[in-house]
Amino acid sequence: MQKAKKAGKYRGRAPTAQRRKAEAQELLRGGMSKRDIAATLGISERSVHRIT
């Protein structure tokens, strides 16, 4: 893995929740609960709390 990192080929896991941040914030403004937002977007409730 270290060899791959040095070669610029290993980047790690993509931050899924961060890509859905705008959607989550829009749903929250629309009055949806954080639990429902998590289920709708397919991310954990903790991730919703972190990004909103």
N, C-alpha and C. Protein backbone atom coordinates (compact mmCIF):
# COMPACT_ATOMS: atom_id res chain seq x y z
N MET A 1 0.84 -1.19 0.00
CA MET A 1 0.00 0.00 0.00
C MET A 1 0.89 1.26 0.00
N GLN A 2 1.97 1.23 0.76
CA GLN A 2 2.83 2.41 0.79
C GLN A 2 3.46 2.68 -0.57
N LYS A 3 3.80 1.61 -1.27
CA LYS A 3 4.38 1.76 -2.60
C LYS A 3 3.35 2.39 -3.55
N ALA A 4 2.10 1.95 -3.44
CA ALA A 4 1.04 2.51 -4.27
C ALA A 4 0.80 3.98 -3.95
N LYS A 5 0.84 4.34 -2.67
CA LYS A 5 0.66 5.73 -2.27
C LYS A 5 1.75 6.61 -2.86
N LYS A 6 2.99 6.12 -2.80
CA LYS A 6 4.10 6.89 -3.36
C LYS A 6 3.95 7.09 -4.86
N ALA A 7 3.37 6.08 -5.52
CA ALA A 7 3.17 6.17 -6.97
C ALA A 7 1.92 6.97 -7.31
N GLY A 8 1.16 7.39 -6.28
CA GLY A 8 -0.05 8.18 -6.51
C GLY A 8 -1.23 7.36 -6.97
N LYS A 9 -1.21 6.06 -6.71
CA LYS A 9 -2.29 5.20 -7.17
C LYS A 9 -3.27 4.85 -6.06
N TYR A 10 -2.90 5.05 -4.82
CA TYR A 10 -3.77 4.72 -3.70
C TYR A 10 -4.27 6.01 -3.09
N ARG A 11 -5.54 6.16 -3.04
CA ARG A 11 -6.11 7.40 -2.51
C ARG A 11 -7.02 7.18 -1.31
N GLY A 12 -7.37 5.95 -1.00
CA GLY A 12 -8.26 5.70 0.13
C GLY A 12 -9.71 5.73 -0.29
N ARG A 13 -10.57 5.58 0.68
CA ARG A 13 -12.00 5.51 0.42
C ARG A 13 -12.56 6.90 0.17
N ALA A 14 -13.44 7.02 -0.79
CA ALA A 14 -14.05 8.31 -1.12
C ALA A 14 -15.03 8.72 -0.02
N PRO A 15 -15.07 9.99 0.37
CA PRO A 15 -15.99 10.46 1.41
C PRO A 15 -17.42 10.57 0.86
N THR A 16 -18.20 9.55 1.07
CA THR A 16 -19.55 9.48 0.50
C THR A 16 -20.48 10.57 1.03
N ALA A 17 -20.49 10.75 2.34
CA ALA A 17 -21.42 11.70 2.95
C ALA A 17 -21.13 13.13 2.50
N GLN A 18 -19.87 13.48 2.36
CA GLN A 18 -19.52 14.84 1.96
C GLN A 18 -20.05 15.19 0.58
N ARG A 19 -20.14 14.19 -0.29
CA ARG A 19 -20.67 14.44 -1.64
C ARG A 19 -22.18 14.70 -1.60
N ARG A 20 -22.84 14.23 -0.55
CA ARG A 20 -24.30 14.39 -0.45
C ARG A 20 -24.69 15.55 0.47
N LYS A 21 -23.72 16.36 0.87
CA LYS A 21 -23.94 17.43 1.84
C LYS A 21 -25.03 18.41 1.39
N ALA A 22 -24.96 18.87 0.16
CA ALA A 22 -25.94 19.85 -0.33
C ALA A 22 -27.34 19.26 -0.32
N GLU A 23 -27.46 18.00 -0.73
CA GLU A 23 -28.77 17.34 -0.72
C GLU A 23 -29.31 17.25 0.70
N ALA A 24 -28.46 16.84 1.63
CA ALA A 24 -28.88 16.67 3.03
C ALA A 24 -29.34 17.99 3.62
N GLN A 25 -28.59 19.05 3.35
CA GLN A 25 -28.97 20.36 3.89
C GLN A 25 -30.28 20.85 3.28
N GLU A 26 -30.50 20.57 2.02
CA GLU A 26 -31.75 20.98 1.37
C GLU A 26 -32.93 20.22 1.97
N LEU A 27 -32.77 18.92 2.19
CA LEU A 27 -33.84 18.13 2.79
C LEU A 27 -34.13 18.59 4.22
N LEU A 28 -33.09 18.95 4.95
CA LEU A 28 -33.26 19.43 6.32
C LEU A 28 -34.04 20.75 6.32
N ARG A 29 -33.70 21.64 5.39
CA ARG A 29 -34.45 22.91 5.27
C ARG A 29 -35.90 22.66 4.90
N GLY A 30 -36.14 21.57 4.18
CA GLY A 30 -37.50 21.23 3.78
C GLY A 30 -38.31 20.60 4.90
N GLY A 31 -37.69 20.39 6.05
CA GLY A 31 -38.42 19.90 7.20
C GLY A 31 -38.30 18.40 7.44
N MET A 32 -37.47 17.72 6.69
CA MET A 32 -37.31 16.27 6.86
C MET A 32 -36.42 16.01 8.08
N SER A 33 -36.72 14.95 8.82
CA SER A 33 -35.91 14.62 10.00
C SER A 33 -34.57 14.05 9.56
N LYS A 34 -33.59 14.14 10.46
CA LYS A 34 -32.26 13.65 10.14
C LYS A 34 -32.27 12.14 9.93
N ARG A 35 -33.12 11.43 10.64
CA ARG A 35 -33.23 9.99 10.47
C ARG A 35 -33.75 9.67 9.07
N ASP A 36 -34.76 10.40 8.63
CA ASP A 36 -35.32 10.18 7.29
C ASP A 36 -34.33 10.57 6.19
N ILE A 37 -33.56 11.63 6.44
CA ILE A 37 -32.54 12.05 5.47
C ILE A 37 -31.51 10.94 5.29
N ALA A 38 -31.08 10.35 6.40
CA ALA A 38 -30.10 9.26 6.35
C ALA A 38 -30.64 8.10 5.53
N ALA A 39 -31.88 7.73 5.75
CA ALA A 39 -32.48 6.61 5.02
C ALA A 39 -32.62 6.95 3.54
N THR A 40 -33.03 8.17 3.24
CA THR A 40 -33.23 8.58 1.85
C THR A 40 -31.92 8.61 1.07
N LEU A 41 -30.86 9.12 1.69
CA LEU A 41 -29.58 9.26 1.00
C LEU A 41 -28.70 8.03 1.10
N GLY A 42 -29.07 7.10 1.96
CA GLY A 42 -28.28 5.87 2.10
C GLY A 42 -26.98 6.07 2.86
N ILE A 43 -27.00 6.99 3.82
CA ILE A 43 -25.83 7.22 4.66
C ILE A 43 -26.26 7.08 6.12
N SER A 44 -25.31 7.04 7.04
CA SER A 44 -25.65 6.85 8.44
C SER A 44 -26.21 8.14 9.05
N GLU A 45 -26.95 7.97 10.16
CA GLU A 45 -27.49 9.14 10.86
C GLU A 45 -26.35 10.01 11.37
N ARG A 46 -25.27 9.38 11.81
CA ARG A 46 -24.12 10.12 12.32
C ARG A 46 -23.52 10.99 11.23
N SER A 47 -23.49 10.48 10.02
CA SER A 47 -22.97 11.27 8.90
C SER A 47 -23.86 12.48 8.64
N VAL A 48 -25.16 12.29 8.75
CA VAL A 48 -26.09 13.41 8.56
C VAL A 48 -25.84 14.48 9.61
N HIS A 49 -25.66 14.06 10.86
CA HIS A 49 -25.39 15.02 11.94
C HIS A 49 -24.09 15.76 11.67
N ARG A 50 -23.08 15.07 11.15
CA ARG A 50 -21.78 15.67 10.90
C ARG A 50 -21.83 16.71 9.80
N ILE A 51 -22.61 16.46 8.74
CA ILE A 51 -22.58 17.35 7.58
C ILE A 51 -23.65 18.43 7.61
N THR A 52 -24.57 18.39 8.58
CA THR A 52 -25.60 19.41 8.65
C THR A 52 -25.38 20.33 9.82
